[in-house]
Protein backbone atom coordinates (compact mmCIF):
# COMPACT_ATOMS: atom_id res chain seq x y z
CA MET A 1 -6.91 -20.83 -15.92
CA PRO A 2 -10.53 -19.97 -16.64
CA GLU A 3 -11.61 -16.70 -15.06
CA GLN A 4 -14.31 -18.39 -12.94
CA ASP A 5 -11.57 -20.58 -11.40
CA LEU A 6 -9.22 -17.62 -10.39
CA PRO A 7 -8.91 -16.82 -6.74
CA SER A 8 -10.79 -13.79 -5.46
CA ARG A 9 -8.84 -10.54 -5.33
CA ALA A 10 -10.70 -9.04 -2.39
CA LEU A 11 -11.00 -11.23 0.70
CA PRO A 12 -14.21 -10.69 2.68
CA LEU A 13 -12.91 -10.07 6.15
CA SER A 14 -15.15 -8.74 8.78
CA GLY A 15 -12.58 -6.58 10.43
CA ALA A 16 -10.78 -5.18 7.37
CA SER A 17 -12.49 -3.86 4.19
CA ASN A 18 -9.42 -3.28 1.95
CA PHE A 19 -7.68 -6.62 2.25
CA ARG A 20 -6.82 -7.86 -1.21
CA ASP A 21 -4.45 -10.11 -3.21
CA LEU A 22 -1.87 -8.65 -5.57
CA GLY A 23 -1.74 -11.74 -7.72
CA GLY A 24 -3.08 -12.35 -11.14
CA TYR A 25 -1.65 -9.34 -12.86
CA GLN A 26 0.44 -9.88 -15.99
CA GLY A 27 4.01 -8.91 -15.49
CA MET A 28 7.48 -9.31 -17.04
CA ASP A 29 7.63 -11.47 -20.14
CA GLY A 30 3.86 -12.26 -19.90
CA ARG A 31 4.33 -14.02 -16.61
CA THR A 32 1.53 -13.72 -14.06
CA VAL A 33 2.09 -12.43 -10.55
CA ARG A 34 1.56 -15.41 -8.15
CA TRP A 35 -1.70 -15.53 -6.26
CA ARG A 36 -1.90 -15.81 -2.44
CA ARG A 37 1.69 -14.65 -1.84
CA VAL A 38 1.40 -10.83 -1.27
CA PHE A 39 -1.59 -9.10 0.10
CA ARG A 40 -2.27 -5.37 0.83
CA SER A 41 -4.81 -4.15 3.41
CA ASP A 42 -6.12 -1.46 5.67
CA HIS A 43 -5.04 -1.88 9.31
CA LEU A 44 -5.48 -5.23 10.98
CA ALA A 45 -6.53 -4.24 14.52
CA GLY A 46 -10.16 -4.99 13.99
CA LEU A 47 -9.75 -8.63 12.66
CA THR A 48 -12.09 -11.16 14.24
CA ALA A 49 -11.15 -14.67 15.31
CA GLN A 50 -12.60 -15.90 11.90
CA ASP A 51 -10.51 -13.28 10.11
CA GLN A 52 -7.41 -14.48 12.01
CA ALA A 53 -8.19 -17.96 10.95
CA THR A 54 -8.43 -16.87 7.31
CA LEU A 55 -4.97 -15.35 7.52
CA ALA A 56 -3.63 -18.58 9.09
CA ASP A 57 -5.21 -20.65 6.26
CA LEU A 58 -3.50 -18.27 3.75
CA GLY A 59 -0.22 -18.95 5.47
CA VAL A 60 0.54 -15.35 6.22
CA ARG A 61 3.68 -15.13 8.29
CA HIS A 62 4.65 -11.36 8.13
CA ALA A 63 2.58 -8.18 8.47
CA VAL A 64 4.38 -5.12 7.42
CA ASP A 65 2.97 -2.10 9.17
CA PHE A 66 3.51 1.29 7.65
CA ARG A 67 1.56 3.24 10.18
CA GLY A 68 2.98 5.97 12.36
CA GLU A 69 3.80 5.39 16.02
CA HIS A 70 0.55 6.88 17.36
CA GLU A 71 -1.54 5.03 14.93
CA ARG A 72 0.08 1.78 15.96
CA SER A 73 -0.29 2.44 19.61
CA LYS A 74 -3.96 3.52 19.19
CA GLN A 75 -4.97 0.44 17.19
CA ALA A 76 -2.40 -2.26 18.17
CA TYR A 77 -2.80 -5.84 17.28
CA ALA A 78 -0.89 -9.19 17.56
CA LEU A 79 -1.69 -12.04 15.28
CA PRO A 80 -0.79 -15.65 16.10
CA GLU A 81 1.98 -17.06 14.01
CA VAL A 82 2.48 -13.63 12.20
CA HIS A 83 5.65 -11.59 12.68
CA HIS A 84 4.71 -7.91 13.00
CA VAL A 85 7.19 -5.68 11.12
CA PRO A 86 6.73 -1.87 11.79
CA LEU A 87 8.16 0.34 9.05
CA THR A 88 7.08 3.71 10.41
CA ILE A 89 5.87 6.35 7.96
CA GLU A 90 4.19 9.19 9.80
CA PRO A 91 0.95 10.48 8.43
CA ARG A 92 2.13 14.12 7.93
CA VAL A 93 -0.58 15.17 5.60
CA ILE A 94 -3.27 14.55 8.32
CA ARG A 95 -1.23 16.71 10.67
CA ARG A 96 -0.79 19.53 8.12
CA VAL A 97 -4.60 19.49 7.41
CA GLN A 98 -5.38 19.35 11.09
CA ALA A 99 -3.19 22.44 11.64
CA LEU A 100 -5.07 24.37 9.08
CA LEU A 101 -8.45 23.21 10.49
CA ASP A 102 -7.31 24.28 14.06
CA ALA A 103 -6.28 27.65 12.69
CA GLY A 104 -9.78 28.15 11.21
CA THR A 105 -8.53 28.08 7.67
CA PRO A 106 -9.68 24.72 6.22
CA PRO A 107 -8.00 23.93 2.90
CA SER A 108 -10.00 24.07 -0.26
CA ALA A 109 -10.53 20.91 -2.30
CA ALA A 110 -7.72 21.80 -4.63
CA GLU A 111 -5.38 22.60 -1.68
CA THR A 112 -6.09 19.31 -0.02
CA VAL A 113 -5.48 17.38 -3.25
CA ALA A 114 -2.12 19.24 -3.69
CA LEU A 115 -1.23 18.21 -0.13
CA MET A 116 -1.90 14.65 -0.97
CA GLN A 117 0.18 14.97 -4.20
CA ASP A 118 3.09 16.40 -2.08
CA THR A 119 2.71 13.36 0.27
CA TYR A 120 3.27 11.01 -2.48
CA ARG A 121 6.38 12.98 -3.89
CA GLY A 122 7.70 12.79 -0.28
CA PHE A 123 7.43 9.02 -0.23
CA VAL A 124 10.06 8.79 -2.92
CA LEU A 125 13.10 9.95 -0.83
CA ASP A 126 11.75 10.87 2.57
CA ASN A 127 10.59 7.35 3.22
CA ALA A 128 13.05 5.45 1.01
CA GLU A 129 14.57 3.53 3.99
CA ARG A 130 11.02 2.08 4.77
CA PHE A 131 10.60 0.92 1.19
CA THR A 132 14.11 -0.41 1.08
CA ALA A 133 13.25 -2.53 4.17
CA PHE A 134 10.02 -3.65 2.53
CA PHE A 135 11.89 -5.06 -0.53
CA GLN A 136 14.49 -6.69 1.66
CA LEU A 137 11.66 -8.49 3.43
CA LEU A 138 10.10 -9.67 0.11
CA LEU A 139 13.48 -10.93 -0.87
CA ALA A 140 14.38 -12.61 2.44
CA HIS A 141 11.26 -14.55 3.04
CA ASP A 142 9.51 -16.95 0.74
CA THR A 143 6.29 -17.09 2.70
CA PRO A 144 3.03 -15.12 2.26
CA LEU A 145 2.93 -11.62 3.71
CA VAL A 146 0.53 -8.64 4.06
CA PHE A 147 1.52 -5.04 4.17
CA HIS A 148 -0.78 -2.23 5.39
CA CYS A 149 -1.13 1.29 6.86
CA THR A 150 -4.36 2.63 8.41
CA ALA A 151 -6.65 2.80 5.32
CA GLY A 152 -4.42 0.82 3.11
CA LYS A 153 -4.45 3.44 0.36
CA ASP A 154 -1.54 5.84 0.42
CA ARG A 155 1.55 4.37 2.06
CA THR A 156 0.27 0.99 1.21
CA GLY A 157 -0.81 2.09 -2.29
CA PHE A 158 2.77 3.43 -3.09
CA ALA A 159 4.39 0.27 -1.82
CA ALA A 160 1.99 -1.82 -3.82
CA ALA A 161 2.83 0.26 -6.91
CA LEU A 162 6.53 -0.22 -6.47
CA PHE A 163 6.10 -3.90 -6.00
CA LEU A 164 3.93 -4.50 -9.06
CA LEU A 165 5.98 -2.18 -11.25
CA ALA A 166 9.16 -4.08 -10.23
CA LEU A 167 7.49 -7.20 -11.49
CA GLY A 168 6.84 -5.54 -14.84
CA VAL A 169 3.09 -4.92 -14.31
CA PRO A 170 2.11 -2.01 -16.71
CA ARG A 171 1.43 1.35 -15.13
CA GLU A 172 -2.11 1.48 -16.25
CA VAL A 173 -2.87 -1.83 -14.60
CA VAL A 174 -1.04 -0.70 -11.43
CA MET A 175 -3.23 2.39 -11.35
CA GLN A 176 -6.41 0.14 -11.69
CA ASP A 177 -5.27 -1.81 -8.63
CA TYR A 178 -4.59 1.47 -6.78
CA LEU A 179 -8.08 2.77 -7.48
CA LEU A 180 -9.80 -0.30 -6.17
CA THR A 181 -9.55 1.27 -2.75
CA ASN A 182 -12.42 3.54 -3.77
CA THR A 183 -14.66 0.57 -4.19
CA LEU A 184 -13.60 -1.55 -1.29
CA TYR A 185 -12.55 0.66 1.57
CA ARG A 186 -15.02 1.59 4.29
CA ARG A 187 -14.23 4.82 6.11
CA PRO A 188 -14.42 4.86 9.87
CA ALA A 189 -17.73 6.23 11.22
CA GLY A 190 -17.97 9.67 12.83
CA LEU A 191 -15.58 11.56 10.55
CA GLU A 192 -18.24 14.01 9.46
CA SER A 193 -17.76 16.37 12.38
CA LEU A 194 -14.06 16.55 11.90
CA ALA A 195 -13.56 18.34 8.57
CA PRO A 196 -15.63 19.58 5.56
CA PRO A 197 -16.79 16.92 3.22
CA HIS A 198 -14.37 18.02 0.38
CA VAL A 199 -11.48 17.58 2.75
CA LEU A 200 -12.61 14.18 3.87
CA ASP A 201 -13.14 13.06 0.38
CA ALA A 202 -9.55 14.04 -0.63
CA LEU A 203 -8.05 12.53 2.41
CA TRP A 204 -10.00 9.22 2.60
CA ARG A 205 -10.19 8.38 -1.14
CA VAL A 206 -7.49 7.93 -3.78
CA GLU A 207 -7.11 9.81 -7.02
CA GLU A 208 -4.91 9.02 -10.07
CA SER A 209 -3.19 12.34 -9.48
CA TYR A 210 -1.76 11.24 -6.12
CA LEU A 211 0.00 8.03 -7.44
CA ASP A 212 0.99 9.94 -10.57
CA ALA A 213 2.73 12.68 -8.57
CA GLY A 214 4.84 10.07 -6.82
CA LEU A 215 5.77 8.15 -9.90
CA ALA A 216 6.51 11.43 -11.74
CA GLU A 217 8.87 12.27 -8.93
CA VAL A 218 10.66 9.02 -9.46
CA ASP A 219 11.06 9.67 -13.15
CA ALA A 220 12.02 13.24 -12.73
CA SER A 221 14.66 12.61 -10.13
CA PHE A 222 16.07 9.31 -11.35
CA GLY A 223 14.95 8.95 -15.03
CA SER A 224 13.21 5.66 -14.56
CA LEU A 225 11.78 3.26 -11.95
CA PRO A 226 14.66 0.65 -12.42
CA ARG A 227 17.20 3.38 -11.69
CA TYR A 228 15.25 4.35 -8.48
CA LEU A 229 14.99 0.75 -7.35
CA GLN A 230 18.75 0.12 -7.83
CA GLU A 231 20.19 3.53 -6.70
CA VAL A 232 17.90 4.29 -3.80
CA LEU A 233 16.12 1.17 -2.70
CA GLY A 234 19.00 -1.21 -3.34
CA VAL A 235 17.14 -3.59 -5.68
CA ASP A 236 19.93 -4.21 -8.21
CA ALA A 237 19.60 -6.46 -11.30
CA ALA A 238 20.31 -9.65 -9.27
CA ALA A 239 17.76 -8.68 -6.58
CA LEU A 240 15.17 -7.72 -9.26
CA GLN A 241 15.67 -11.14 -10.99
CA LYS A 242 15.15 -12.87 -7.77
CA LEU A 243 12.01 -10.86 -7.04
CA GLN A 244 10.60 -11.71 -10.47
CA THR A 245 11.43 -15.39 -10.14
CA ARG A 246 9.87 -15.58 -6.69
CA TYR A 247 6.60 -13.67 -7.41
CA LEU A 248 6.01 -14.38 -11.11
CA GLN A 249 4.80 -17.74 -12.56
CA GLY A 250 4.59 -19.14 -16.08
């Protein structure tokens, strides 16, 4: 398909800035990830009526919500014809940084980055049940879905990486998709008074070292992503084949 005829990756929603399609990347055996099947996003509580109509036109039937309980209650949403699936991953890094700020000892830029890297390492085992459930949903339903957290960058970014890597998308391409958040995401207004700029930059942007830390933890603990998928997330060879058949074309 000529490039000018390809679907747009980022969808211009008024109430979400980081809503994008994971299709179009080349995966296993040169096959392409199907467009308009799996989407990643920041939270969906601000969607307008027109945005909701766009989701309906896309056929989205499930919204996987990786936010913590307080995040969900503070910015709740309900979308017509969309089944909301909470898979709670609490934002512990925010709490750790806030504790340091409250104590009058704000972390340095390097310390904040290190906290973010630890967060991604923690995803691998501490939140394995949530990512297991995520893959089960991908395997159970053959309809479009969107998954998100608050900013659509860390919990969502790690889930997107696992999904694309399971489909055979190269790591460097997965990293490119991950870093798109820095281009697309609009931070909430009014953060400037809450923390020093270097802390906000580390928390509200993504860096290669964050995702690298999580994937390095997978390799160090399990030897490879396929072993992690099978031994921890329950995505065995048959499930992996089903996943690739469903979400790859060509």
